[in-house]
Amino acid sequence: MVLVNQQGEQQEEFEQLQQLCIYSGYLFKVQQYMLIANLFYNKKSKQCLSALFIFLSQVIFCQNQFIVKDSITKEKLKFVKIEIDDKNYYTDSLGSFTIGENIDNKFLTIKKSGYYQNKIISNKIKNEILLSPKEIEIEQVIINQKKQFVVGERIYKKSTTYLTDNVQLGVLLKNNKDSIGFIRFIEFFIKKNSMDENRYLELSFSEVDTKNNFSENNTITLVEPISKILKFKNKIDLSSYKIPFGKNGTLIGLKLINKVGSNSEDFSKSVLQFYNSKSKDYMYMRKSTDWIKYPSKTDVIDIVLYIN
């Protein structure tokens, strides 16, 4: 690209180059700054050189991109949770995350089920962030019969519950069987999807103790694209996650995610409309780190679990 001396054309070229670099997420390195600067200096174009340094000073602070990987296998980890200032964001399906604004001296807490969390200050972020896998000891599950059993009602009624932005709802599925096992599939019934299918649904599975308490330490969280859920008719294969279904049941959390891959704001509204179960029960809502139980029984989202 050649920048000419005419001020108007130079400004237009400069703005085009600026937008190209910002939207591509490409970061110039210091050596590249100097190489380009020398090129323009040799052409004795002082106006271009001044404009170039102004532009580069903006780019150096506008983007910071990294990839989250498994520390052992070096596999890129998709949909990893990134906490910044009490707000939650997620890496994309390739493990990539871009900070699209100047975040100076702030801590990023990086979390994924099955891994130890990593806390790093924004000024020290490198191209790669590694998460160390946990050695998970799964309580021995003894199944006398290899038959699959089902928890939940597959008969829903006409009433619905709306899941909207910034709200996390929970449904407690009790274990009324004499068997325990691992969750193979989860199924729910979406009536209406008034949102872009490039959105995501966060699912959390919390073990329940004898007093109906739920622990963050015993929670498995995953993120699924809405498009994938609809493609498979609202049924998700969970067999690879080894999610236990214990004798006291499981609390299932549902939360919409508008965007992954960066911390830029998305102000579009999203709504998922779920059919309710035929039976009334207690719903839960997440506030900060705690699940709050509704004061009385109400319609609850119809969820079915298939257990092995």
Protein backbone atom coordinates (compact mmCIF):
# COMPACT_ATOMS: atom_id res chain seq x y z
CA MET A 1 0.00 0.00 0.00
CA VAL A 2 1.40 3.42 -0.98
CA LEU A 3 0.45 6.50 1.01
CA VAL A 4 0.56 9.68 -1.09
CA ASN A 5 1.43 13.15 0.15
CA GLN A 6 -1.93 14.75 -0.58
CA GLN A 7 -3.51 15.22 2.84
CA GLY A 8 -7.02 14.07 1.88
CA GLU A 9 -5.95 10.89 0.15
CA GLN A 10 -3.44 10.15 2.92
CA GLN A 11 -6.14 10.44 5.58
CA GLU A 12 -8.47 8.14 3.66
CA GLU A 13 -5.76 5.51 3.23
CA PHE A 14 -4.83 5.79 6.89
CA GLU A 15 -8.40 5.25 8.06
CA GLN A 16 -8.83 2.23 5.79
CA LEU A 17 -5.63 0.67 7.11
CA GLN A 18 -6.70 1.37 10.68
CA GLN A 19 -10.06 -0.34 10.26
CA LEU A 20 -8.50 -3.30 8.49
CA CYS A 21 -6.07 -3.95 11.33
CA ILE A 22 -8.61 -3.44 14.09
CA TYR A 23 -11.21 -5.77 12.63
CA SER A 24 -8.74 -8.45 11.69
CA GLY A 25 -7.41 -8.52 15.27
CA TYR A 26 -3.83 -8.45 13.93
CA LEU A 27 -1.17 -7.10 16.29
CA PHE A 28 1.95 -5.47 14.89
CA LYS A 29 5.15 -6.31 16.73
CA VAL A 30 7.73 -3.69 17.66
CA GLN A 31 10.12 -4.88 14.97
CA GLN A 32 7.41 -4.43 12.37
CA TYR A 33 6.73 -0.91 13.63
CA MET A 34 10.35 0.04 13.08
CA LEU A 35 10.54 -1.62 9.67
CA ILE A 36 7.52 0.25 8.38
CA ALA A 37 8.68 3.50 9.99
CA ASN A 38 12.08 3.26 8.28
CA LEU A 39 10.39 2.60 4.98
CA PHE A 40 8.40 5.82 5.17
CA TYR A 41 11.33 7.80 6.56
CA ASN A 42 13.48 6.75 3.61
CA LYS A 43 10.77 8.03 1.31
CA LYS A 44 11.07 11.36 3.16
CA SER A 45 7.38 11.48 3.86
CA LYS A 46 7.20 13.16 7.26
CA GLN A 47 3.43 13.55 7.11
CA CYS A 48 2.95 9.83 6.48
CA LEU A 49 5.41 8.96 9.25
CA SER A 50 3.51 11.08 11.78
CA ALA A 51 0.19 9.59 10.76
CA LEU A 52 1.64 6.09 10.93
CA PHE A 53 2.86 6.46 14.51
CA ILE A 54 -0.50 7.87 15.61
CA PHE A 55 -2.23 4.88 14.06
CA LEU A 56 0.18 2.32 15.52
CA SER A 57 -0.12 3.82 18.99
CA GLN A 58 -3.86 3.22 18.79
CA VAL A 59 -3.55 -0.35 17.49
CA ILE A 60 -1.09 -1.44 20.17
CA PHE A 61 -3.73 -0.79 22.84
CA CYS A 62 -6.86 -1.76 20.94
CA GLN A 63 -6.28 -5.52 20.65
CA ASN A 64 -4.82 -8.26 22.81
CA GLN A 65 -5.42 -11.79 21.58
CA PHE A 66 -4.53 -15.12 23.16
CA ILE A 67 -5.41 -18.81 22.91
CA VAL A 68 -6.21 -21.06 25.89
CA LYS A 69 -4.70 -24.55 25.69
CA ASP A 70 -4.38 -27.74 27.69
CA SER A 71 -0.98 -27.63 29.39
CA ILE A 72 -0.25 -31.29 28.58
CA THR A 73 -1.79 -32.02 25.18
CA LYS A 74 -1.58 -28.40 23.92
CA GLU A 75 -5.14 -28.87 22.65
CA LYS A 76 -7.04 -25.62 22.12
CA LEU A 77 -9.82 -25.38 24.70
CA LYS A 78 -13.17 -24.16 23.41
CA PHE A 79 -15.67 -22.09 25.41
CA VAL A 80 -13.41 -21.43 28.39
CA LYS A 81 -14.88 -18.95 30.86
CA ILE A 82 -13.01 -15.64 31.23
CA GLU A 83 -13.98 -13.51 34.24
CA ILE A 84 -13.17 -9.78 34.07
CA ASP A 85 -14.59 -7.34 36.64
CA ASP A 86 -17.36 -9.78 37.68
CA LYS A 87 -18.44 -10.23 34.06
CA ASN A 88 -18.23 -13.57 32.27
CA TYR A 89 -16.93 -14.06 28.74
CA TYR A 90 -15.89 -17.15 26.78
CA THR A 91 -13.24 -18.23 24.32
CA ASP A 92 -14.53 -19.25 20.90
CA SER A 93 -14.64 -22.77 19.44
CA LEU A 94 -10.89 -22.52 18.64
CA GLY A 95 -9.90 -21.41 22.14
CA SER A 96 -9.24 -17.84 21.03
CA PHE A 97 -10.12 -14.68 22.97
CA THR A 98 -9.58 -11.03 22.09
CA ILE A 99 -9.69 -8.14 24.54
CA GLY A 100 -11.08 -5.38 22.39
CA GLU A 101 -10.51 -2.47 24.71
CA ASN A 102 -7.74 -1.13 26.88
CA ILE A 103 -7.90 -3.18 30.10
CA ASP A 104 -4.98 -2.08 32.20
CA ASN A 105 -3.80 -3.89 35.35
CA LYS A 106 -6.95 -5.99 35.68
CA PHE A 107 -7.08 -9.65 36.62
CA LEU A 108 -8.52 -12.25 34.29
CA THR A 109 -9.73 -15.46 35.93
CA ILE A 110 -9.77 -18.31 33.44
CA LYS A 111 -11.94 -21.34 34.25
CA LYS A 112 -13.03 -24.59 32.66
CA SER A 113 -14.55 -27.70 34.19
CA GLY A 114 -11.90 -30.37 34.69
CA TYR A 115 -9.04 -27.84 34.91
CA TYR A 116 -7.39 -25.75 37.58
CA GLN A 117 -8.24 -22.09 37.15
CA ASN A 118 -5.58 -19.61 36.08
CA LYS A 119 -5.51 -16.01 37.25
CA ILE A 120 -3.38 -13.57 35.28
CA ILE A 121 -3.01 -9.80 35.13
CA SER A 122 -3.92 -8.23 31.79
CA ASN A 123 -0.53 -6.54 31.36
CA LYS A 124 1.24 -9.92 31.43
CA ILE A 125 -0.92 -11.81 28.95
CA LYS A 126 1.03 -13.78 26.36
CA ASN A 127 -0.09 -15.44 23.13
CA GLU A 128 -0.88 -18.66 25.00
CA ILE A 129 -2.47 -19.33 28.37
CA LEU A 130 -2.22 -22.89 29.67
CA LEU A 131 -4.68 -24.65 31.96
CA SER A 132 -3.60 -27.72 33.92
CA PRO A 133 -6.08 -30.63 33.95
CA LYS A 134 -7.30 -31.95 37.28
CA GLU A 135 -6.98 -35.55 38.27
CA ILE A 136 -10.66 -36.13 38.81
CA GLU A 137 -11.62 -38.97 41.11
CA ILE A 138 -15.09 -40.02 40.09
CA GLU A 139 -17.00 -41.79 42.82
CA GLN A 140 -17.36 -45.43 41.85
CA VAL A 141 -20.68 -46.02 40.17
CA ILE A 142 -21.92 -49.57 40.39
CA ILE A 143 -24.70 -50.42 37.98
CA ASN A 144 -26.15 -53.89 38.33
CA GLN A 145 -28.29 -53.57 35.25
CA LYS A 146 -26.89 -51.99 32.10
CA LYS A 147 -30.29 -50.67 31.07
CA GLN A 148 -30.70 -46.96 30.50
CA PHE A 149 -33.27 -45.18 32.66
CA VAL A 150 -34.96 -41.83 32.23
CA VAL A 151 -35.43 -39.00 34.73
CA GLY A 152 -38.01 -36.30 34.07
CA GLU A 153 -41.29 -36.08 32.19
CA ARG A 154 -41.36 -36.25 28.44
CA ILE A 155 -44.93 -34.98 28.51
CA TYR A 156 -44.92 -31.19 28.47
CA LYS A 157 -47.84 -28.81 28.56
CA LYS A 158 -48.69 -25.64 26.67
CA SER A 159 -47.31 -23.16 29.21
CA THR A 160 -43.77 -21.89 28.66
CA THR A 161 -40.87 -20.24 30.47
CA TYR A 162 -38.75 -17.52 28.87
CA LEU A 163 -35.00 -17.61 29.31
CA THR A 164 -33.62 -14.11 28.69
CA ASP A 165 -30.25 -12.37 28.79
CA ASN A 166 -28.43 -12.02 32.11
CA VAL A 167 -30.66 -14.58 33.85
CA GLN A 168 -29.61 -18.06 34.91
CA LEU A 169 -32.44 -20.44 35.77
CA GLY A 170 -32.12 -23.79 37.50
CA VAL A 171 -34.20 -26.97 37.46
CA LEU A 172 -33.72 -29.66 40.11
CA LEU A 173 -34.18 -33.18 38.80
CA LYS A 174 -34.57 -35.55 41.72
CA ASN A 175 -33.54 -39.17 41.63
CA ASN A 176 -36.65 -41.23 42.25
CA LYS A 177 -34.99 -44.43 41.10
CA ASP A 178 -32.85 -46.89 42.99
CA SER A 179 -30.12 -46.50 40.39
CA ILE A 180 -27.31 -44.05 39.76
CA GLY A 181 -25.09 -43.54 36.74
CA PHE A 182 -23.82 -40.99 34.24
CA ILE A 183 -25.88 -38.58 32.17
CA ARG A 184 -25.78 -39.71 28.56
CA PHE A 185 -28.25 -37.25 27.00
CA ILE A 186 -30.18 -34.18 28.07
CA GLU A 187 -33.36 -33.18 26.27
CA PHE A 188 -35.57 -30.11 26.52
CA PHE A 189 -38.26 -28.66 24.33
CA ILE A 190 -37.85 -25.25 22.72
CA LYS A 191 -41.07 -23.69 21.48
CA LYS A 192 -39.65 -20.52 20.03
CA ASN A 193 -36.21 -19.15 19.34
CA SER A 194 -36.34 -15.37 18.79
CA MET A 195 -32.58 -15.01 18.56
CA ASP A 196 -29.69 -15.42 16.20
CA GLU A 197 -28.76 -19.09 16.05
CA ASN A 198 -25.11 -18.07 16.39
CA ARG A 199 -25.79 -17.70 20.11
CA TYR A 200 -24.92 -20.22 22.82
CA LEU A 201 -26.45 -21.97 25.81
CA GLU A 202 -24.46 -22.55 28.99
CA LEU A 203 -25.42 -25.71 30.85
CA SER A 204 -24.27 -26.44 34.39
CA PHE A 205 -24.74 -29.68 36.33
CA SER A 206 -24.41 -29.45 40.12
CA GLU A 207 -24.42 -32.47 42.39
CA VAL A 208 -27.00 -32.39 45.17
CA ASP A 209 -26.31 -33.48 48.75
CA THR A 210 -28.79 -34.90 51.25
CA LYS A 211 -29.88 -31.38 52.28
CA ASN A 212 -30.49 -30.22 48.71
CA ASN A 213 -27.36 -28.04 48.76
CA PHE A 214 -25.28 -27.42 45.64
CA SER A 215 -21.55 -26.87 45.56
CA GLU A 216 -19.57 -24.94 42.93
CA ASN A 217 -16.78 -27.46 43.44
CA ASN A 218 -19.10 -30.26 42.31
CA THR A 219 -20.37 -28.46 39.21
CA ILE A 220 -19.61 -29.29 35.59
CA THR A 221 -20.21 -26.46 33.12
CA LEU A 222 -20.29 -26.64 29.34
CA VAL A 223 -21.35 -24.42 26.45
CA GLU A 224 -23.27 -25.57 23.37
CA PRO A 225 -24.17 -23.60 20.22
CA ILE A 226 -27.91 -23.03 19.80
CA SER A 227 -27.59 -24.10 16.16
CA LYS A 228 -26.24 -27.49 17.26
CA ILE A 229 -29.04 -27.96 19.80
CA LEU A 230 -31.72 -27.23 17.20
CA LYS A 231 -30.00 -29.43 14.62
CA PHE A 232 -30.26 -32.43 16.93
CA LYS A 233 -33.87 -31.61 17.89
CA ASN A 234 -33.13 -30.27 21.38
CA LYS A 235 -31.18 -33.36 22.46
CA ILE A 236 -27.52 -33.06 23.49
CA ASP A 237 -25.06 -35.93 23.77
CA LEU A 238 -23.20 -35.61 27.09
CA SER A 239 -21.59 -39.05 27.20
CA SER A 240 -18.04 -37.71 26.77
CA TYR A 241 -18.30 -35.46 29.85
CA LYS A 242 -18.87 -38.24 32.41
CA ILE A 243 -21.40 -36.18 34.36
CA PRO A 244 -22.56 -38.22 37.38
CA PHE A 245 -26.21 -38.51 38.35
CA GLY A 246 -26.17 -39.32 42.06
CA LYS A 247 -28.74 -40.62 44.48
CA ASN A 248 -29.93 -37.10 45.38
CA GLY A 249 -30.27 -35.84 41.83
CA THR A 250 -28.78 -32.94 39.86
CA LEU A 251 -29.46 -29.20 39.60
CA ILE A 252 -29.32 -28.11 35.96
CA GLY A 253 -28.56 -24.46 35.20
CA LEU A 254 -29.50 -22.73 31.92
CA LYS A 255 -28.00 -19.44 30.75
CA LEU A 256 -27.89 -17.65 27.38
CA ILE A 257 -24.59 -16.43 25.97
CA ASN A 258 -24.75 -13.85 23.20
CA LYS A 259 -21.13 -13.81 22.14
CA VAL A 260 -17.88 -15.74 22.48
CA GLY A 261 -14.29 -14.91 21.58
CA SER A 262 -14.04 -11.36 22.97
CA ASN A 263 -15.17 -9.04 25.74
CA SER A 264 -16.86 -6.58 23.40
CA GLU A 265 -20.47 -5.85 24.32
CA ASP A 266 -23.40 -7.28 22.38
CA PHE A 267 -26.55 -5.29 23.04
CA SER A 268 -28.92 -7.41 20.96
CA LYS A 269 -31.67 -9.12 22.92
CA SER A 270 -32.01 -12.89 23.06
CA VAL A 271 -34.88 -15.08 24.23
CA LEU A 272 -35.42 -18.82 24.32
CA GLN A 273 -38.93 -20.09 25.05
CA PHE A 274 -39.09 -23.52 26.70
CA TYR A 275 -42.12 -25.73 27.23
CA ASN A 276 -42.84 -26.45 30.88
CA SER A 277 -43.22 -29.77 32.59
CA LYS A 278 -46.71 -31.05 33.33
CA SER A 279 -45.99 -31.04 37.07
CA LYS A 280 -45.28 -27.95 39.17
CA ASP A 281 -42.14 -27.78 41.27
CA TYR A 282 -39.58 -25.31 42.64
CA MET A 283 -37.47 -23.34 40.18
CA TYR A 284 -34.11 -21.77 41.05
CA MET A 285 -32.39 -18.56 40.01
CA ARG A 286 -28.67 -17.84 40.19
CA LYS A 287 -27.59 -14.69 42.01
CA SER A 288 -23.83 -14.18 42.06
CA THR A 289 -22.50 -17.57 43.21
CA ASP A 290 -25.67 -18.73 45.00
CA TRP A 291 -28.77 -20.50 43.79
CA ILE A 292 -31.98 -18.97 45.19
CA LYS A 293 -35.02 -21.21 45.47
CA TYR A 294 -38.39 -19.81 44.38
CA PRO A 295 -40.67 -19.26 47.40
CA SER A 296 -43.43 -21.52 46.04
CA LYS A 297 -43.95 -24.22 43.45
CA THR A 298 -44.46 -23.03 39.90
CA ASP A 299 -44.24 -24.20 36.31
CA VAL A 300 -40.75 -25.49 35.59
CA ILE A 301 -38.87 -26.05 32.34
CA ASP A 302 -39.38 -29.59 31.09
CA ILE A 303 -36.01 -31.38 31.08
CA VAL A 304 -35.38 -35.07 30.55
CA LEU A 305 -32.15 -36.91 31.40
CA TYR A 306 -31.12 -40.26 29.95
CA ILE A 307 -28.89 -42.10 32.40
CA ASN A 308 -26.55 -45.03 31.78
